[in-house]
Protein backbone atom coordinates (compact mmCIF):
# COMPACT_ATOMS: atom_id res chain seq x y z
CA MET A 1 105.78 14.30 -167.91
CA GLU A 2 107.53 18.04 -169.38
CA ARG A 3 104.77 20.52 -169.52
CA LYS A 4 104.43 21.79 -172.67
CA ASN A 5 103.15 25.53 -174.04
CA ALA A 6 100.21 26.54 -175.91
CA GLN A 7 102.67 27.60 -178.81
CA GLU A 8 103.16 23.80 -179.53
CA PHE A 9 99.62 22.92 -180.39
CA ASP A 10 96.98 24.33 -182.53
CA GLN A 11 94.78 27.14 -181.67
CA GLU A 12 91.78 25.26 -182.62
CA LEU A 13 92.92 22.29 -180.50
CA LEU A 14 93.00 24.61 -177.74
CA TYR A 15 89.72 25.44 -178.39
CA LEU A 16 88.47 22.30 -178.82
CA TYR A 17 89.69 21.47 -174.85
CA ASP A 18 88.12 24.61 -174.09
CA TYR A 19 84.67 23.10 -174.39
CA TYR A 20 85.57 19.90 -173.56
CA ALA A 21 86.85 21.23 -170.39
CA HIS A 22 83.69 23.33 -169.60
CA GLY A 23 80.58 20.67 -170.87
CA GLN A 24 80.08 22.23 -174.12
CA ILE A 25 81.51 18.77 -175.53
CA ASP A 26 81.52 15.46 -174.30
CA ARG A 27 85.23 13.40 -174.26
CA ARG A 28 84.23 11.16 -177.22
CA THR A 29 83.15 14.26 -179.42
CA PHE A 30 86.64 15.97 -178.24
CA LEU A 31 88.56 12.55 -179.24
CA GLU A 32 86.88 12.37 -182.71
CA ARG A 33 87.91 16.08 -183.41
CA ALA A 34 91.24 16.15 -181.59
CA ALA A 35 92.27 13.51 -184.22
CA LYS A 36 93.07 15.51 -186.93
CA PHE A 37 95.74 16.88 -184.81
CA ALA A 38 97.24 13.39 -183.78
CA VAL A 39 100.01 13.39 -186.08
CA GLY A 40 103.63 11.82 -185.80
CA GLY A 41 102.84 9.12 -183.53
CA LEU A 42 100.87 10.98 -181.17
CA THR A 43 97.04 9.56 -180.17
CA ALA A 44 93.50 11.65 -179.50
CA VAL A 45 94.02 10.30 -176.46
CA ALA A 46 97.31 11.55 -175.48
CA LEU A 47 96.73 15.00 -176.73
CA LEU A 48 94.21 15.45 -174.08
CA GLU A 49 96.76 13.59 -171.66
CA MET A 50 98.82 16.34 -172.89
CA LEU A 51 96.10 19.59 -172.56
CA SER A 52 94.88 18.08 -168.87
CA PRO A 53 95.74 19.54 -165.78
CA HIS A 54 98.82 17.44 -164.17
CA TYR A 55 99.38 18.84 -160.50
CA ALA A 56 103.16 18.25 -159.77
CA PHE A 57 103.83 21.62 -161.33
CA ALA A 58 101.22 23.36 -159.02
CA ALA A 59 103.38 23.13 -156.00
CA GLN A 60 104.98 26.89 -155.78
CA VAL A 61 103.92 26.62 -151.89
CA PRO A 62 104.07 22.95 -150.46
CA LYS A 63 101.50 21.79 -148.28
CA ASP A 64 104.38 21.06 -145.42
CA ASP A 65 105.48 24.39 -146.35
CA GLY A 66 106.17 25.95 -142.36
CA ARG A 67 105.99 29.22 -143.29
CA VAL A 68 102.12 28.62 -143.80
CA ALA A 69 99.61 26.93 -141.57
CA SER A 70 96.79 25.33 -143.08
CA ASP A 71 93.75 23.42 -142.12
CA TYR A 72 90.40 21.77 -143.38
CA VAL A 73 87.96 24.12 -141.81
CA LYS A 74 83.70 23.16 -141.64
CA TYR A 75 81.11 26.43 -142.38
CA PRO A 76 77.30 26.10 -142.21
CA SER A 77 75.73 26.82 -145.14
CA PRO A 78 71.98 26.38 -144.37
CA ASP A 79 70.69 27.65 -147.52
CA GLY A 80 72.82 25.06 -149.47
CA HIS A 81 74.13 22.54 -149.32
CA GLY A 82 74.26 22.09 -145.09
CA GLU A 83 77.87 21.58 -143.86
CA MET A 84 80.45 22.83 -146.05
CA ARG A 85 84.43 22.36 -145.75
CA GLY A 86 87.48 24.80 -147.12
CA LEU A 87 90.72 25.38 -146.93
CA LEU A 88 91.82 27.56 -144.77
CA ALA A 89 95.61 29.07 -144.68
CA LYS A 90 96.71 32.00 -143.11
CA PRO A 91 100.79 32.64 -142.52
CA ALA A 92 102.31 30.41 -139.61
CA ASN A 93 103.87 33.72 -137.58
CA ALA A 94 100.50 35.45 -138.07
CA THR A 95 99.66 37.40 -134.82
CA GLY A 96 96.25 39.26 -134.67
CA LYS A 97 93.65 39.81 -136.96
CA LEU A 98 94.19 39.51 -140.93
CA PRO A 99 92.39 40.71 -143.87
CA GLY A 100 90.41 37.40 -145.35
CA VAL A 101 90.19 36.36 -149.24
CA ILE A 102 87.65 33.62 -150.08
CA VAL A 103 89.27 31.70 -153.32
CA VAL A 104 87.08 29.86 -155.95
CA HIS A 105 87.98 26.68 -157.65
CA GLU A 106 87.10 25.88 -161.15
CA ASN A 107 84.32 23.75 -162.19
CA ARG A 108 85.94 20.68 -161.04
CA GLY A 109 86.31 21.17 -157.37
CA LEU A 110 89.12 21.94 -154.95
CA ASN A 111 91.85 20.65 -156.45
CA PRO A 112 95.66 20.78 -155.94
CA TYR A 113 96.10 23.95 -158.13
CA ILE A 114 93.71 25.95 -155.96
CA GLU A 115 94.86 24.74 -152.96
CA ASP A 116 98.20 26.10 -153.79
CA VAL A 117 96.57 29.38 -154.78
CA THR A 118 95.22 29.34 -151.09
CA ARG A 119 98.93 29.25 -149.66
CA ARG A 120 100.11 31.43 -152.05
CA LEU A 121 97.83 34.34 -150.50
CA ALA A 122 98.78 33.00 -146.77
CA LEU A 123 102.12 33.98 -147.77
CA GLU A 124 101.18 37.41 -149.25
CA GLY A 125 99.80 38.00 -145.31
CA PHE A 126 96.35 36.83 -145.96
CA VAL A 127 94.06 34.53 -144.08
CA ALA A 128 92.51 32.99 -147.35
CA PHE A 129 89.90 30.05 -147.41
CA ALA A 130 88.85 28.32 -149.92
CA PRO A 131 85.60 25.91 -149.99
CA ASP A 132 85.42 22.76 -151.95
CA ALA A 133 81.70 22.83 -153.15
CA LEU A 134 82.13 19.23 -153.99
CA TYR A 135 82.14 18.88 -150.23
CA ALA A 136 78.18 17.63 -150.05
CA VAL A 137 79.08 14.89 -152.45
CA GLY A 138 81.90 13.45 -151.08
CA GLY A 139 84.17 16.56 -152.02
CA TYR A 140 87.12 16.97 -154.46
CA PRO A 141 87.47 12.91 -156.05
CA GLY A 142 91.23 13.38 -156.94
CA THR A 143 90.86 13.98 -161.07
CA ASP A 144 89.13 16.97 -162.67
CA ASP A 145 87.15 14.49 -164.92
CA GLU A 146 85.30 13.47 -162.42
CA GLY A 147 85.44 16.59 -160.35
CA ARG A 148 83.82 18.05 -163.38
CA ALA A 149 81.07 15.50 -163.67
CA MET A 150 80.16 15.58 -159.49
CA GLN A 151 80.18 19.90 -159.67
CA SER A 152 77.78 19.55 -163.44
CA LYS A 153 75.08 17.76 -161.29
CA LEU A 154 75.01 20.18 -158.07
CA ASP A 155 72.00 22.99 -157.77
CA ARG A 156 74.00 25.53 -158.94
CA ALA A 157 71.66 28.12 -157.07
CA LYS A 158 72.88 25.91 -153.58
CA VAL A 159 75.90 25.76 -154.74
CA THR A 160 76.26 29.73 -155.29
CA GLU A 161 74.47 30.05 -151.59
CA ASP A 162 77.31 27.90 -150.32
CA PHE A 163 80.00 30.62 -151.40
CA VAL A 164 77.84 33.35 -150.11
CA ALA A 165 78.45 31.41 -146.74
CA ALA A 166 81.80 30.89 -146.74
CA ALA A 167 82.04 34.86 -147.16
CA LYS A 168 79.96 35.52 -144.37
CA PHE A 169 82.15 32.50 -142.07
CA LEU A 170 85.66 34.28 -142.82
CA HIS A 171 84.35 37.58 -142.06
CA THR A 172 83.33 37.06 -138.79
CA ARG A 173 86.17 34.32 -137.65
CA ALA A 174 88.32 35.79 -135.04
CA ASP A 175 91.45 35.89 -137.51
CA CYS A 176 89.97 38.10 -139.93
CA ASN A 177 89.86 41.24 -139.28
CA GLY A 178 86.35 42.03 -141.37
CA SER A 179 88.50 43.31 -144.82
CA LEU A 180 86.92 40.69 -147.29
CA GLY A 181 88.41 40.14 -150.78
CA VAL A 182 87.22 37.37 -153.10
CA THR A 183 89.52 36.20 -156.14
CA GLY A 184 88.24 33.14 -158.45
CA PHE A 185 89.09 31.31 -161.52
CA CYS A 186 86.72 30.52 -164.40
CA PHE A 187 83.98 29.66 -162.93
CA GLY A 188 85.39 31.35 -159.58
CA GLY A 189 85.25 33.94 -161.45
CA GLY A 190 81.89 33.92 -162.26
CA MET A 191 80.99 33.81 -158.71
CA ALA A 192 83.85 36.71 -157.43
CA ASN A 193 81.93 38.82 -159.89
CA THR A 194 78.54 37.17 -158.55
CA LEU A 195 79.77 37.82 -154.44
CA ALA A 196 80.40 40.84 -155.40
CA TRP A 197 76.85 41.86 -156.02
CA ARG A 198 75.14 39.67 -153.62
CA LEU A 199 77.98 41.07 -150.37
CA PRO A 200 78.26 44.75 -151.39
CA GLU A 201 78.20 45.35 -147.64
CA ILE A 202 81.06 42.51 -147.20
CA VAL A 203 83.42 42.22 -150.42
CA LYS A 204 85.49 45.20 -150.28
CA ALA A 205 87.40 44.22 -153.31
CA ALA A 206 87.14 40.98 -156.21
CA VAL A 207 89.66 39.94 -159.08
CA PRO A 208 87.86 37.52 -160.97
CA TYR A 209 89.92 35.65 -163.45
CA TYR A 210 88.05 35.33 -167.43
CA GLY A 211 84.72 34.79 -165.24
CA GLY A 212 81.33 34.90 -166.09
CA GLN A 213 79.84 38.69 -165.94
CA PRO A 214 76.58 39.23 -163.77
CA LYS A 215 73.96 40.46 -165.38
CA ALA A 216 73.40 44.18 -166.14
CA ALA A 217 70.86 44.87 -164.07
CA ASP A 218 73.04 43.07 -160.76
CA VAL A 219 76.03 45.52 -161.26
CA PRO A 220 74.82 48.74 -159.46
CA LYS A 221 74.59 46.54 -156.49
CA ILE A 222 78.24 46.44 -156.26
CA LYS A 223 80.05 48.26 -153.97
CA ALA A 224 83.35 46.66 -153.84
CA SER A 225 86.88 47.79 -156.35
CA LEU A 226 87.38 45.18 -158.94
CA LEU A 227 89.88 43.69 -160.63
CA LEU A 228 89.29 41.79 -163.82
CA HIS A 229 92.01 39.34 -165.53
CA TYR A 230 91.01 38.28 -169.49
CA ALA A 231 92.62 36.34 -171.80
CA GLU A 232 92.99 37.78 -175.53
CA LEU A 233 92.43 34.53 -176.98
CA ASP A 234 89.16 33.25 -174.21
CA GLU A 235 86.06 34.13 -176.83
CA ARG A 236 84.20 32.54 -175.11
CA VAL A 237 83.99 34.36 -171.70
CA ASN A 238 85.47 37.54 -173.43
CA ALA A 239 81.44 37.70 -175.50
CA GLY A 240 80.36 38.99 -172.37
CA TRP A 241 82.84 41.45 -171.15
CA PRO A 242 81.43 44.73 -173.42
CA ALA A 243 78.46 44.46 -172.11
CA TYR A 244 79.72 44.56 -168.35
CA GLU A 245 82.47 46.96 -169.03
CA ALA A 246 79.31 48.99 -170.26
CA ALA A 247 77.37 48.45 -167.33
CA LEU A 248 79.96 49.26 -164.81
CA LYS A 249 80.97 52.25 -166.62
CA ALA A 250 77.27 53.32 -166.31
CA ALA A 251 76.65 52.65 -162.26
CA LYS A 252 80.64 54.45 -161.61
CA ILE A 253 82.11 51.06 -160.63
CA ASP A 254 85.90 51.38 -159.14
CA TYR A 255 86.99 48.98 -161.55
CA GLU A 256 90.09 48.19 -163.02
CA ALA A 257 90.58 45.45 -166.13
CA PHE A 258 93.40 43.75 -167.98
CA ILE A 259 92.84 41.80 -171.54
CA TYR A 260 96.67 39.77 -171.19
CA PRO A 261 97.81 39.66 -174.98
CA GLY A 262 97.93 36.46 -177.47
CA VAL A 263 97.03 33.84 -173.88
CA ASN A 264 94.21 31.64 -173.46
CA HIS A 265 91.62 31.27 -170.69
CA GLY A 266 93.39 29.47 -167.98
CA PHE A 267 96.54 31.22 -168.75
CA HIS A 268 96.74 31.60 -164.74
CA ASN A 269 96.71 27.54 -163.99
CA ASP A 270 100.36 26.84 -163.67
CA THR A 271 99.56 22.79 -164.53
CA THR A 272 98.70 22.83 -168.07
CA PRO A 273 99.95 24.49 -171.29
CA ARG A 274 97.34 27.23 -171.28
CA TYR A 275 100.00 28.86 -168.47
CA ASP A 276 101.39 31.91 -169.83
CA LYS A 277 104.50 32.03 -167.19
CA ALA A 278 104.44 36.22 -167.93
CA ALA A 279 100.68 37.07 -167.69
CA ALA A 280 100.43 34.90 -164.58
CA GLU A 281 103.25 36.51 -162.99
CA LEU A 282 102.30 39.82 -163.78
CA SER A 283 97.96 39.74 -163.17
CA TRP A 284 98.96 37.78 -159.47
CA THR A 285 101.52 40.72 -159.12
CA ARG A 286 98.41 43.04 -159.75
CA THR A 287 96.19 40.64 -157.76
CA VAL A 288 98.71 40.75 -154.50
CA ALA A 289 99.01 44.56 -154.75
CA PHE A 290 95.00 45.46 -155.42
CA PHE A 291 94.39 43.46 -152.11
CA LYS A 292 97.13 44.88 -150.14
CA ARG A 293 95.93 48.08 -151.46
CA LYS A 294 91.90 47.47 -151.30
CA LEU A 295 91.66 45.47 -148.18
CA ALA A 296 94.54 47.28 -145.77
């Protein structure tokens, strides 16, 4: 399938898909509301298929890329779901200890796009670890619809503890130099914000992509430097940004924020039409440079 661009869809339809992807409306409601956009022989079902992720597009660093050493690694999460698992990736020729980066997936488990992002970080000289919140219930099931349904049923507090445990696990690994960052997308962006205040003595740098913001009372606990990426058209997430920025300023947190013009939530995800190549590449260049600077 050829990847479409966001500009080929009505913005209202893109918002409908955002509501569906984040559990605010169900599939039936999406199809009913999307029907008015199904013209020229298209159906609402076809529109949903076009808007959904196609992971063949996310192979910037293939699984068998010889430059990367990667494997699935288990770790303990006593306050979460017990035993958990994630993808660990680092440069194949790595010697000695490297800065670590936790990579947090969206609201649907450890899918191929997030695994690819993890390998991208490995190529940049980090030991990157991407936990799968769905491991306790069988792991990412192979489709985002199933993954989204599975993740929505998990105990959110336990899921948070699973990612806290993952950060502690990576921080103490022999191949990590103890300098730890975290990045995440959507749900993962919110989790990156959470880990920044939950683990102020461990997390030195956090890069949330269009992530939900923490409560104002938790912001002063942050000691990490923050690089925040937002999409101009992401009304849902952006609604919380003014209050977050005010809290960051009041607490004198080291932060930098970018709002990318004319792009949608999910603009970094190169498997959907919401992907914006220019914004994704610029934000990623900034992310890598930020981690190299803060985790050196």
